[in-house]
PDB file of N, CA and C in Angstrom:
ATOM      1  N   MET A   1     -13.376   9.100   8.405  1.00  0.00           N
ATOM      2  CA  MET A   1     -12.881   8.727   6.946  1.00  0.00           C
ATOM      3  C   MET A   1     -11.877   8.895   6.572  1.00  0.00           C
ATOM      4  N   THR A   2     -11.648   7.784   5.786  1.00  0.00           N
ATOM      5  CA  THR A   2     -10.685   7.003   5.635  1.00  0.00           C
ATOM      6  C   THR A   2      -9.738   7.632   4.667  1.00  0.00           C
ATOM      7  N   ASP A   3      -8.037   8.224   5.084  1.00  0.00           N
ATOM      8  CA  ASP A   3      -7.117   9.115   4.464  1.00  0.00           C
ATOM      9  C   ASP A   3      -6.790   7.997   3.176  1.00  0.00           C
ATOM     10  N   PHE A   4      -6.706   8.082   2.230  1.00  0.00           N
ATOM     11  CA  PHE A   4      -6.547   7.240   1.051  1.00  0.00           C
ATOM     12  C   PHE A   4      -4.611   7.888   0.731  1.00  0.00           C
ATOM     13  N   SER A   5      -3.912   8.596   1.550  1.00  0.00           N
ATOM     14  CA  SER A   5      -2.806   9.369   1.304  1.00  0.00           C
ATOM     15  C   SER A   5      -1.943   8.564   1.895  1.00  0.00           C
ATOM     16  N   GLU A   6      -2.655   7.610   3.776  1.00  0.00           N
ATOM     17  CA  GLU A   6      -2.116   7.243   4.399  1.00  0.00           C
ATOM     18  C   GLU A   6      -1.657   5.724   3.471  1.00  0.00           C
ATOM     19  N   MET A   7      -2.919   5.100   3.083  1.00  0.00           N
ATOM     20  CA  MET A   7      -3.210   4.077   2.962  1.00  0.00           C
ATOM     21  C   MET A   7      -2.365   3.189   1.652  1.00  0.00           C
ATOM     22  N   SER A   8      -1.917   4.170   0.539  1.00  0.00           N
ATOM     23  CA  SER A   8      -0.968   4.627  -0.586  1.00  0.00           C
ATOM     24  C   SER A   8       0.729   4.186  -0.350  1.00  0.00           C
ATOM     25  N   ALA A   9       0.710   4.626   1.217  1.00  0.00           N
ATOM     26  CA  ALA A   9       2.307   4.196   1.586  1.00  0.00           C
ATOM     27  C   ALA A   9       2.050   3.021   2.500  1.00  0.00           C
ATOM     28  N   THR A  10       1.235   2.622   2.723  1.00  0.00           N
ATOM     29  CA  THR A  10       0.816   1.103   3.136  1.00  0.00           C
ATOM     30  C   THR A  10       1.069  -0.010   2.448  1.00  0.00           C
ATOM     31  N   PHE A  11       0.441   0.066   1.140  1.00  0.00           N
ATOM     32  CA  PHE A  11       0.504  -0.571   0.648  1.00  0.00           C
ATOM     33  C   PHE A  11       0.640   0.004  -1.257  1.00  0.00           C
ATOM     34  N   ARG A  12       2.246   0.125  -0.675  1.00  0.00           N
ATOM     35  CA  ARG A  12       3.088   1.109  -2.340  1.00  0.00           C
ATOM     36  C   ARG A  12       3.741  -0.050  -2.601  1.00  0.00           C
ATOM     37  N   LEU A  13       3.616  -1.388  -2.201  1.00  0.00           N
ATOM     38  CA  LEU A  13       4.195  -2.564  -3.229  1.00  0.00           C
ATOM     39  C   LEU A  13       3.076  -3.151  -4.742  1.00  0.00           C
ATOM     40  N   TYR A  14       1.228  -2.417  -4.167  1.00  0.00           N
ATOM     41  CA  TYR A  14       0.518  -3.253  -4.851  1.00  0.00           C
ATOM     42  C   TYR A  14       0.511  -1.920  -5.947  1.00  0.00           C
ATOM     43  N   SER A  15       0.484  -2.010  -7.331  1.00  0.00           N
ATOM     44  CA  SER A  15       0.053  -1.362  -7.889  1.00  0.00           C
ATOM     45  C   SER A  15      -1.555  -1.777  -7.971  1.00  0.00           C
ATOM     46  N   VAL A  16      -2.091  -0.174  -8.161  1.00  0.00           N
ATOM     47  CA  VAL A  16      -3.221   0.520  -8.213  1.00  0.00           C
ATOM     48  C   VAL A  16      -3.999   0.707  -9.945  1.00  0.00           C
ATOM     49  N   PRO A  17      -4.579  -1.149 -10.403  1.00  0.00           N
ATOM     50  CA  PRO A  17      -5.011  -0.769 -11.936  1.00  0.00           C
ATOM     51  C   PRO A  17      -6.317   0.195 -12.105  1.00  0.00           C
ATOM     52  N   SER A  18      -6.129   1.001 -13.219  1.00  0.00           N
ATOM     53  CA  SER A  18      -7.391   1.268 -13.345  1.00  0.00           C
ATOM     54  C   SER A  18      -8.228   0.261 -13.641  1.00  0.00           C
ATOM     55  N   PHE A  19      -9.527   1.553 -14.305  1.00  0.00           N
ATOM     56  CA  PHE A  19     -10.319  -0.344 -14.455  1.00  0.00           C
ATOM     57  C   PHE A  19     -10.779  -0.469 -15.857  1.00  0.00           C
ATOM     58  N   MET A  20      -9.669  -0.433 -16.866  1.00  0.00           N
ATOM     59  CA  MET A  20      -8.971  -0.744 -17.863  1.00  0.00           C
ATOM     60  C   MET A  20      -7.798  -1.966 -17.890  1.00  0.00           C
ATOM     61  N   ASP A  21      -7.260  -1.637 -16.985  1.00  0.00           N
ATOM     62  CA  ASP A  21      -6.214  -2.365 -16.922  1.00  0.00           C
ATOM     63  C   ASP A  21      -6.515  -3.677 -16.044  1.00  0.00           C
ATOM     64  N   GLY A  22      -7.434  -3.517 -15.101  1.00  0.00           N
ATOM     65  CA  GLY A  22      -8.430  -4.387 -14.492  1.00  0.00           C
ATOM     66  C   GLY A  22      -8.887  -5.660 -15.049  1.00  0.00           C
ATOM     67  N   MET A  23      -9.621  -4.565 -16.273  1.00  0.00           N
ATOM     68  CA  MET A  23     -10.940  -5.825 -17.663  1.00  0.00           C
ATOM     69  C   MET A  23      -9.550  -6.392 -18.084  1.00  0.00           C
ATOM     70  N   ALA A  24      -7.872  -5.727 -18.027  1.00  0.00           N
ATOM     71  CA  ALA A  24      -7.050  -6.540 -19.316  1.00  0.00           C
ATOM     72  C   ALA A  24      -6.896  -7.961 -18.800  1.00  0.00           C
ATOM     73  N   MET A  25      -6.181  -7.663 -17.061  1.00  0.00           N
ATOM     74  CA  MET A  25      -5.863  -8.574 -16.113  1.00  0.00           C
ATOM     75  C   MET A  25      -6.559  -9.979 -16.107  1.00  0.00           C
ATOM     76  N   ALA A  26      -8.150  -9.502 -15.670  1.00  0.00           N
ATOM     77  CA  ALA A  26      -9.215 -10.726 -16.299  1.00  0.00           C
ATOM     78  C   ALA A  26      -9.044 -11.347 -17.210  1.00  0.00           C
ATOM     79  N   LEU A  27      -8.610 -10.876 -17.733  1.00  0.00           N
ATOM     80  CA  LEU A  27      -8.536 -11.510 -19.577  1.00  0.00           C
ATOM     81  C   LEU A  27      -6.674 -12.050 -19.911  1.00  0.00           C
ATOM     82  N   ASP A  28      -6.560 -11.789 -18.818  1.00  0.00           N
ATOM     83  CA  ASP A  28      -4.431 -11.988 -19.617  1.00  0.00           C
ATOM     84  C   ASP A  28      -4.481 -13.456 -18.898  1.00  0.00           C
ATOM     85  N   TYR A  29      -4.592 -14.555 -19.390  1.00  0.00           N
ATOM     86  CA  TYR A  29      -4.431 -16.046 -18.806  1.00  0.00           C
ATOM     87  C   TYR A  29      -2.982 -16.460 -19.116  1.00  0.00           C
ATOM     88  N   ALA A  30      -2.276 -15.822 -19.747  1.00  0.00           N
ATOM     89  CA  ALA A  30      -0.580 -16.262 -19.609  1.00  0.00           C
ATOM     90  C   ALA A  30       0.007 -15.049 -18.772  1.00  0.00           C
ATOM     91  N   HIS A  31      -0.682 -14.515 -17.776  1.00  0.00           N
ATOM     92  CA  HIS A  31       0.046 -13.535 -16.652  1.00  0.00           C
ATOM     93  C   HIS A  31       0.790 -13.448 -17.196  1.00  0.00           C
ATOM     94  N   THR A  32       0.880 -12.177 -18.144  1.00  0.00           N
ATOM     95  CA  THR A  32       1.727 -11.475 -18.962  1.00  0.00           C
ATOM     96  C   THR A  32       1.959  -9.878 -17.973  1.00  0.00           C
ATOM     97  N   MET A  33       1.118  -9.275 -17.439  1.00  0.00           N
ATOM     98  CA  MET A  33       1.008  -8.010 -17.518  1.00  0.00           C
ATOM     99  C   MET A  33       1.173  -8.330 -15.830  1.00  0.00           C
ATOM    100  N   PRO A  34       1.995  -7.380 -15.320  1.00  0.00           N
ATOM    101  CA  PRO A  34       2.675  -7.392 -14.406  1.00  0.00           C
ATOM    102  C   PRO A  34       1.379  -6.686 -12.726  1.00  0.00           C
ATOM    103  N   GLU A  35       1.360  -7.116 -11.815  1.00  0.00           N
ATOM    104  CA  GLU A  35       0.629  -7.204 -10.608  1.00  0.00           C
ATOM    105  C   GLU A  35       0.926  -6.257  -9.652  1.00  0.00           C
ATOM    106  N   PHE A  36       2.402  -6.587  -9.754  1.00  0.00           N
ATOM    107  CA  PHE A  36       3.110  -5.558  -8.490  1.00  0.00           C
ATOM    108  C   PHE A  36       4.222  -4.430  -8.714  1.00  0.00           C
ATOM    109  N   ASN A  37       4.092  -3.431  -7.415  1.00  0.00           N
ATOM    110  CA  ASN A  37       5.475  -2.573  -8.011  1.00  0.00           C
ATOM    111  C   ASN A  37       6.706  -3.734  -7.737  1.00  0.00           C
ATOM    112  N   THR A  38       7.768  -2.597  -8.024  1.00  0.00           N
ATOM    113  CA  THR A  38       9.067  -3.794  -7.402  1.00  0.00           C
ATOM    114  C   THR A  38       9.820  -2.886  -6.828  1.00  0.00           C
ATOM    115  N   ASP A  39      11.133  -3.314  -5.744  1.00  0.00           N
ATOM    116  CA  ASP A  39      11.886  -2.653  -5.405  1.00  0.00           C
ATOM    117  C   ASP A  39      12.889  -3.309  -5.333  1.00  0.00           C
ATOM    118  N   SER A  40      14.304  -2.842  -5.282  1.00  0.00           N
ATOM    119  CA  SER A  40      15.670  -3.286  -5.681  1.00  0.00           C
ATOM    120  C   SER A  40      16.236  -4.274  -5.353  1.00  0.00           C
ATOM    121  N   SER A  41      15.256  -4.945  -3.896  1.00  0.00           N
ATOM    122  CA  SER A  41      15.473  -5.917  -3.140  1.00  0.00           C
ATOM    123  C   SER A  41      14.689  -6.373  -2.232  1.00  0.00           C
ATOM    124  N   PRO A  42      14.427  -7.824  -1.919  1.00  0.00           N
ATOM    125  CA  PRO A  42      13.420  -7.881  -1.151  1.00  0.00           C
ATOM    126  C   PRO A  42      13.926  -7.260   0.376  1.00  0.00           C
ATOM    127  N   ALA A  43      15.090  -7.518   0.443  1.00  0.00           N
ATOM    128  CA  ALA A  43      16.002  -6.798   2.094  1.00  0.00           C
ATOM    129  C   ALA A  43      15.035  -5.202   1.686  1.00  0.00           C
ATOM    130  N   ALA A  44      15.119  -4.573   1.092  1.00  0.00           N
ATOM    131  CA  ALA A  44      14.937  -3.015   0.872  1.00  0.00           C
ATOM    132  C   ALA A  44      13.323  -2.803   0.700  1.00  0.00           C
ATOM    133  N   ALA A  45      12.584  -3.896   0.555  1.00  0.00           N
ATOM    134  CA  ALA A  45      11.507  -4.006   0.488  1.00  0.00           C
ATOM    135  C   ALA A  45      10.716  -4.284   1.725  1.00  0.00           C
ATOM    136  N   ASP A  46      11.171  -5.153   2.604  1.00  0.00           N
ATOM    137  CA  ASP A  46      10.871  -5.520   3.496  1.00  0.00           C
ATOM    138  C   ASP A  46      11.061  -4.343   5.214  1.00  0.00           C
ATOM    139  N   GLY A  47      12.190  -3.481   4.868  1.00  0.00           N
ATOM    140  CA  GLY A  47      12.740  -2.818   5.840  1.00  0.00           C
ATOM    141  C   GLY A  47      11.635  -1.244   5.392  1.00  0.00           C
ATOM    142  N   LYS A  48      11.525  -1.159   4.138  1.00  0.00           N
ATOM    143  CA  LYS A  48      10.440  -0.202   3.613  1.00  0.00           C
ATOM    144  C   LYS A  48       8.919  -0.084   3.916  1.00  0.00           C
ATOM    145  N   ALA A  49       8.576  -1.190   3.917  1.00  0.00           N
ATOM    146  CA  ALA A  49       7.106  -1.702   4.551  1.00  0.00           C
ATOM    147  C   ALA A  49       7.322  -1.794   6.164  1.00  0.00           C
ATOM    148  N   LEU A  50       8.039  -2.562   6.463  1.00  0.00           N
ATOM    149  CA  LEU A  50       8.081  -2.395   8.191  1.00  0.00           C
ATOM    150  C   LEU A  50       7.889  -0.714   8.926  1.00  0.00           C
ATOM    151  N   VAL A  51       8.990  -0.073   7.701  1.00  0.00           N
ATOM    152  CA  VAL A  51       8.941   1.684   8.336  1.00  0.00           C
ATOM    153  C   VAL A  51       7.548   2.336   8.244  1.00  0.00           C
ATOM    154  N   SER A  52       6.814   1.860   7.011  1.00  0.00           N
ATOM    155  CA  SER A  52       5.627   1.793   6.505  1.00  0.00           C
ATOM    156  C   SER A  52       4.340   1.580   7.953  1.00  0.00           C
ATOM    157  N   ASP A  53       4.578   0.706   7.948  1.00  0.00           N
ATOM    158  CA  ASP A  53       3.612  -0.095   9.165  1.00  0.00           C
ATOM    159  C   ASP A  53       3.996   0.392  10.368  1.00  0.00           C
ATOM    160  N   TRP A  54       5.461   1.196  11.122  1.00  0.00           N
ATOM    161  CA  TRP A  54       5.381   1.617  12.208  1.00  0.00           C
ATOM    162  C   TRP A  54       4.558   2.708  12.105  1.00  0.00           C
ATOM    163  N   THR A  55       4.530   3.331  10.612  1.00  0.00           N
ATOM    164  CA  THR A  55       4.289   4.879  10.573  1.00  0.00           C
ATOM    165  C   THR A  55       2.729   5.327  11.156  1.00  0.00           C
ATOM    166  N   ALA A  56       2.066   4.129  10.368  1.00  0.00           N
ATOM    167  CA  ALA A  56       1.308   3.551  10.286  1.00  0.00           C
ATOM    168  C   ALA A  56       0.398   3.502  11.856  1.00  0.00           C
ATOM    169  N   VAL A  57       1.249   2.931  12.677  1.00  0.00           N
ATOM    170  CA  VAL A  57       0.818   2.600  14.067  1.00  0.00           C
ATOM    171  C   VAL A  57       0.938   4.004  14.345  1.00  0.00           C
ATOM    172  N   GLY A  58       2.311   4.321  13.905  1.00  0.00           N
ATOM    173  CA  GLY A  58       2.204   5.959  15.002  1.00  0.00           C
ATOM    174  C   GLY A  58       1.122   6.361  15.155  1.00  0.00           C
ATOM    175  N   ASN A  59       0.234   6.500  13.543  1.00  0.00           N
ATOM    176  CA  ASN A  59      -0.352   7.534  13.146  1.00  0.00           C
ATOM    177  C   ASN A  59      -2.045   7.334  13.948  1.00  0.00           C
ATOM    178  N   ASP A  60      -2.083   6.167  13.754  1.00  0.00           N
ATOM    179  CA  ASP A  60      -3.076   5.591  14.881  1.00  0.00           C
ATOM    180  C   ASP A  60      -2.796   5.870  16.127  1.00  0.00           C
ATOM    181  N   LEU A  61      -2.218   5.496  16.737  1.00  0.00           N
ATOM    182  CA  LEU A  61      -2.006   5.741  17.996  1.00  0.00           C
ATOM    183  C   LEU A  61      -2.664   7.259  18.251  1.00  0.00           C
ATOM    184  N   ALA A  62      -1.147   8.059  17.507  1.00  0.00           N
ATOM    185  CA  ALA A  62      -1.768  10.036  18.058  1.00  0.00           C
ATOM    186  C   ALA A  62      -3.320   9.925  17.608  1.00  0.00           C
ATOM    187  N   ASN A  63      -3.677   9.997  16.578  1.00  0.00           N
ATOM    188  CA  ASN A  63      -5.351  10.294  16.096  1.00  0.00           C
ATOM    189  C   ASN A  63      -5.589   9.484  17.112  1.00  0.00           C
ATOM    190  N   ALA A  64      -5.919   8.141  18.079  1.00  0.00           N
ATOM    191  CA  ALA A  64      -6.196   7.837  19.121  1.00  0.00           C
ATOM    192  C   ALA A  64      -6.477   8.463  19.930  1.00  0.00           C
ATOM    193  N   LEU A  65      -4.732   9.183  20.629  1.00  0.00           N
ATOM    194  CA  LEU A  65      -4.960   9.447  21.712  1.00  0.00           C
ATOM    195  C   LEU A  65      -5.877  11.186  21.401  1.00  0.00           C
ATOM    196  N   ARG A  66      -5.655  11.951  20.475  1.00  0.00           N
ATOM    197  CA  ARG A  66      -6.033  13.333  20.222  1.00  0.00           C
ATOM    198  C   ARG A  66      -7.869  13.194  20.515  1.00  0.00           C
ATOM    199  N   LEU A  67      -8.387  11.930  20.198  1.00  0.00           N
ATOM    200  CA  LEU A  67      -9.762  11.749  19.829  1.00  0.00           C
ATOM    201  C   LEU A  67     -10.030  11.572  21.552  1.00  0.00           C
ATOM    202  N   GLN A  68      -8.964  11.072  22.322  1.00  0.00           N
ATOM    203  CA  GLN A  68      -9.312  10.251  23.613  1.00  0.00           C
ATOM    204  C   GLN A  68      -9.303  12.365  24.657  1.00  0.00           C
ATOM    205  N   THR A  69      -8.367  13.038  24.371  1.00  0.00           N
ATOM    206  CA  THR A  69      -8.584  13.976  24.762  1.00  0.00           C
ATOM    207  C   THR A  69      -8.971  15.205  24.500  1.00  0.00           C
ATOM    208  N   ARG A  70     -10.564  14.821  23.571  1.00  0.00           N
ATOM    209  CA  ARG A  70     -11.196  16.190  23.694  1.00  0.00           C
ATOM    210  C   ARG A  70     -12.100  15.928  24.347  1.00  0.00           C
TER     211      ARG A  70
END
């Protein structure tokens, strides 16, 4: 079963639109609606993404080891 709380950390720079936001984006031909969450700088966003990615890798390895030892 997928744990969406872990996925939200992985995809933290992507906004999760509601149904109405999605409909509005489909009709937003001038591209006035923001699509991404922002960070203070590209370097800060990259650093946070690396930490998030390696945390996810660590969690996956821990889960695999836990399942293997059963």
